[in-house]
Amino acid sequence: MNLKVPGLPPKLASEAVELVQRLRGMDLKKHPSVSETIDWARALVELNARHLDRPTRDTTLSVLLKYESDLNKARREISRDDRRRAN
């Protein structure tokens, strides 16, 4: 991804790939495409993100997912996963 998105920090690139893979494993109407993933990574660079914290993820998820129902489902599942990891 670094070739397509110059300036993307390695840790952020890894976190972004992990999240996109999680989203692609969910039952969604439309999974993130390669072009949407690149657009999202570019947005993260423009926001000067260094890692994918919850506020950044939540405010930019709509770049990856186009349907409101997919956004809601992804947010629920990701939040549930975050709670599991915290315990």
C-alpha atoms as a PDB file:
ATOM      1  CA  MET A   1       0.000   0.000   0.000  1.00  0.00           C
ATOM      2  CA  ASN A   2       2.935   2.336   0.556  1.00  0.00           C
ATOM      3  CA  LEU A   3       3.609   2.472  -3.184  1.00  0.00           C
ATOM      4  CA  LYS A   4       0.105   3.788  -3.877  1.00  0.00           C
ATOM      5  CA  VAL A   5      -0.037   6.045  -0.809  1.00  0.00           C
ATOM      6  CA  PRO A   6       3.263   7.825  -0.167  1.00  0.00           C
ATOM      7  CA  GLY A   7       3.686   9.011   3.387  1.00  0.00           C
ATOM      8  CA  LEU A   8       1.545   6.271   4.920  1.00  0.00           C
ATOM      9  CA  PRO A   9       3.286   5.248   8.164  1.00  0.00           C
ATOM     10  CA  PRO A  10       4.049   1.497   8.282  1.00  0.00           C
ATOM     11  CA  LYS A  11       2.086   0.936  11.503  1.00  0.00           C
ATOM     12  CA  LEU A  12      -0.945   2.718  10.052  1.00  0.00           C
ATOM     13  CA  ALA A  13      -0.652   0.731   6.817  1.00  0.00           C
ATOM     14  CA  SER A  14      -0.672  -2.500   8.806  1.00  0.00           C
ATOM     15  CA  GLU A  15      -3.681  -1.411  10.870  1.00  0.00           C
ATOM     16  CA  ALA A  16      -5.524  -0.282   7.738  1.00  0.00           C
ATOM     17  CA  VAL A  17      -4.944  -3.608   5.978  1.00  0.00           C
ATOM     18  CA  GLU A  18      -6.102  -5.471   9.084  1.00  0.00           C
ATOM     19  CA  LEU A  19      -9.327  -3.447   9.285  1.00  0.00           C
ATOM     20  CA  VAL A  20     -10.089  -3.844   5.579  1.00  0.00           C
ATOM     21  CA  GLN A  21      -9.572  -7.601   5.886  1.00  0.00           C
ATOM     22  CA  ARG A  22     -11.964  -7.660   8.856  1.00  0.00           C
ATOM     23  CA  LEU A  23     -14.543  -5.707   6.854  1.00  0.00           C
ATOM     24  CA  ARG A  24     -14.192  -8.053   3.896  1.00  0.00           C
ATOM     25  CA  GLY A  25     -14.930 -10.961   6.230  1.00  0.00           C
ATOM     26  CA  MET A  26     -18.230  -9.417   7.352  1.00  0.00           C
ATOM     27  CA  ASP A  27     -21.616  -9.993   5.776  1.00  0.00           C
ATOM     28  CA  LEU A  28     -21.959  -6.612   4.043  1.00  0.00           C
ATOM     29  CA  LYS A  29     -23.828  -5.438   0.946  1.00  0.00           C
ATOM     30  CA  LYS A  30     -20.603  -4.104  -0.537  1.00  0.00           C
ATOM     31  CA  HIS A  31     -17.104  -4.829   0.691  1.00  0.00           C
ATOM     32  CA  PRO A  32     -14.387  -2.174   0.390  1.00  0.00           C
ATOM     33  CA  SER A  33     -12.762  -2.217  -3.032  1.00  0.00           C
ATOM     34  CA  VAL A  34      -9.078  -1.648  -3.695  1.00  0.00           C
ATOM     35  CA  SER A  35      -9.754   1.906  -4.904  1.00  0.00           C
ATOM     36  CA  GLU A  36     -11.828   2.711  -1.799  1.00  0.00           C
ATOM     37  CA  THR A  37      -9.061   1.322   0.382  1.00  0.00           C
ATOM     38  CA  ILE A  38      -6.474   3.516  -1.352  1.00  0.00           C
ATOM     39  CA  ASP A  39      -8.752   6.558  -1.058  1.00  0.00           C
ATOM     40  CA  TRP A  40      -9.192   5.838   2.641  1.00  0.00           C
ATOM     41  CA  ALA A  41      -5.433   5.469   3.173  1.00  0.00           C
ATOM     42  CA  ARG A  42      -4.882   8.805   1.407  1.00  0.00           C
ATOM     43  CA  ALA A  43      -7.490  10.412   3.661  1.00  0.00           C
ATOM     44  CA  LEU A  44      -5.677   9.033   6.717  1.00  0.00           C
ATOM     45  CA  VAL A  45      -2.411  10.572   5.472  1.00  0.00           C
ATOM     46  CA  GLU A  46      -4.150  13.914   4.875  1.00  0.00           C
ATOM     47  CA  LEU A  47      -5.482  13.772   8.446  1.00  0.00           C
ATOM     48  CA  ASN A  48      -1.914  13.185   9.689  1.00  0.00           C
ATOM     49  CA  ALA A  49      -2.992   9.960  11.385  1.00  0.00           C
ATOM     50  CA  ARG A  50      -0.156   7.946  12.888  1.00  0.00           C
ATOM     51  CA  HIS A  51      -2.267   4.992  14.000  1.00  0.00           C
ATOM     52  CA  LEU A  52      -5.860   3.919  13.607  1.00  0.00           C
ATOM     53  CA  ASP A  53      -7.438   5.022  16.870  1.00  0.00           C
ATOM     54  CA  ARG A  54     -11.152   4.670  17.437  1.00  0.00           C
ATOM     55  CA  PRO A  55     -12.143   8.302  16.657  1.00  0.00           C
ATOM     56  CA  THR A  56     -10.172   8.278  13.395  1.00  0.00           C
ATOM     57  CA  ARG A  57     -11.589   4.911  12.407  1.00  0.00           C
ATOM     58  CA  ASP A  58     -15.162   5.905  13.248  1.00  0.00           C
ATOM     59  CA  THR A  59     -15.047   9.214  11.388  1.00  0.00           C
ATOM     60  CA  THR A  60     -13.423   7.801   8.243  1.00  0.00           C
ATOM     61  CA  LEU A  61     -15.199   4.453   7.934  1.00  0.00           C
ATOM     62  CA  SER A  62     -17.688   5.963   5.476  1.00  0.00           C
ATOM     63  CA  VAL A  63     -14.878   6.287   2.920  1.00  0.00           C
ATOM     64  CA  LEU A  64     -14.689   2.479   2.886  1.00  0.00           C
ATOM     65  CA  LEU A  65     -18.353   1.584   3.243  1.00  0.00           C
ATOM     66  CA  LYS A  66     -21.035   3.157   1.083  1.00  0.00           C
ATOM     67  CA  TYR A  67     -24.242   1.810   2.620  1.00  0.00           C
ATOM     68  CA  GLU A  68     -25.546   3.081   5.951  1.00  0.00           C
ATOM     69  CA  SER A  69     -26.559  -0.448   6.923  1.00  0.00           C
ATOM     70  CA  ASP A  70     -22.982  -1.640   6.281  1.00  0.00           C
ATOM     71  CA  LEU A  71     -21.597   1.242   8.350  1.00  0.00           C
ATOM     72  CA  ASN A  72     -23.883   0.421  11.264  1.00  0.00           C
ATOM     73  CA  LYS A  73     -23.127  -3.296  11.096  1.00  0.00           C
ATOM     74  CA  ALA A  74     -19.376  -2.736  10.866  1.00  0.00           C
ATOM     75  CA  ARG A  75     -19.371  -0.268  13.771  1.00  0.00           C
ATOM     76  CA  ARG A  76     -21.314  -2.722  15.947  1.00  0.00           C
ATOM     77  CA  GLU A  77     -19.049  -5.665  15.116  1.00  0.00           C
ATOM     78  CA  ILE A  78     -15.833  -3.668  15.484  1.00  0.00           C
ATOM     79  CA  SER A  79     -16.982  -2.216  18.818  1.00  0.00           C
ATOM     80  CA  ARG A  80     -17.868  -5.702  20.043  1.00  0.00           C
ATOM     81  CA  ASP A  81     -14.434  -6.974  18.978  1.00  0.00           C
ATOM     82  CA  ASP A  82     -12.756  -4.010  20.710  1.00  0.00           C
ATOM     83  CA  ARG A  83     -14.583  -4.810  23.963  1.00  0.00           C
ATOM     84  CA  ARG A  84     -13.527  -8.461  23.742  1.00  0.00           C
ATOM     85  CA  ARG A  85      -9.894  -7.492  23.221  1.00  0.00           C
ATOM     86  CA  ALA A  86     -10.016  -5.105  26.190  1.00  0.00           C
ATOM     87  CA  ASN A  87     -11.234  -7.848  28.558  1.00  0.00           C
END
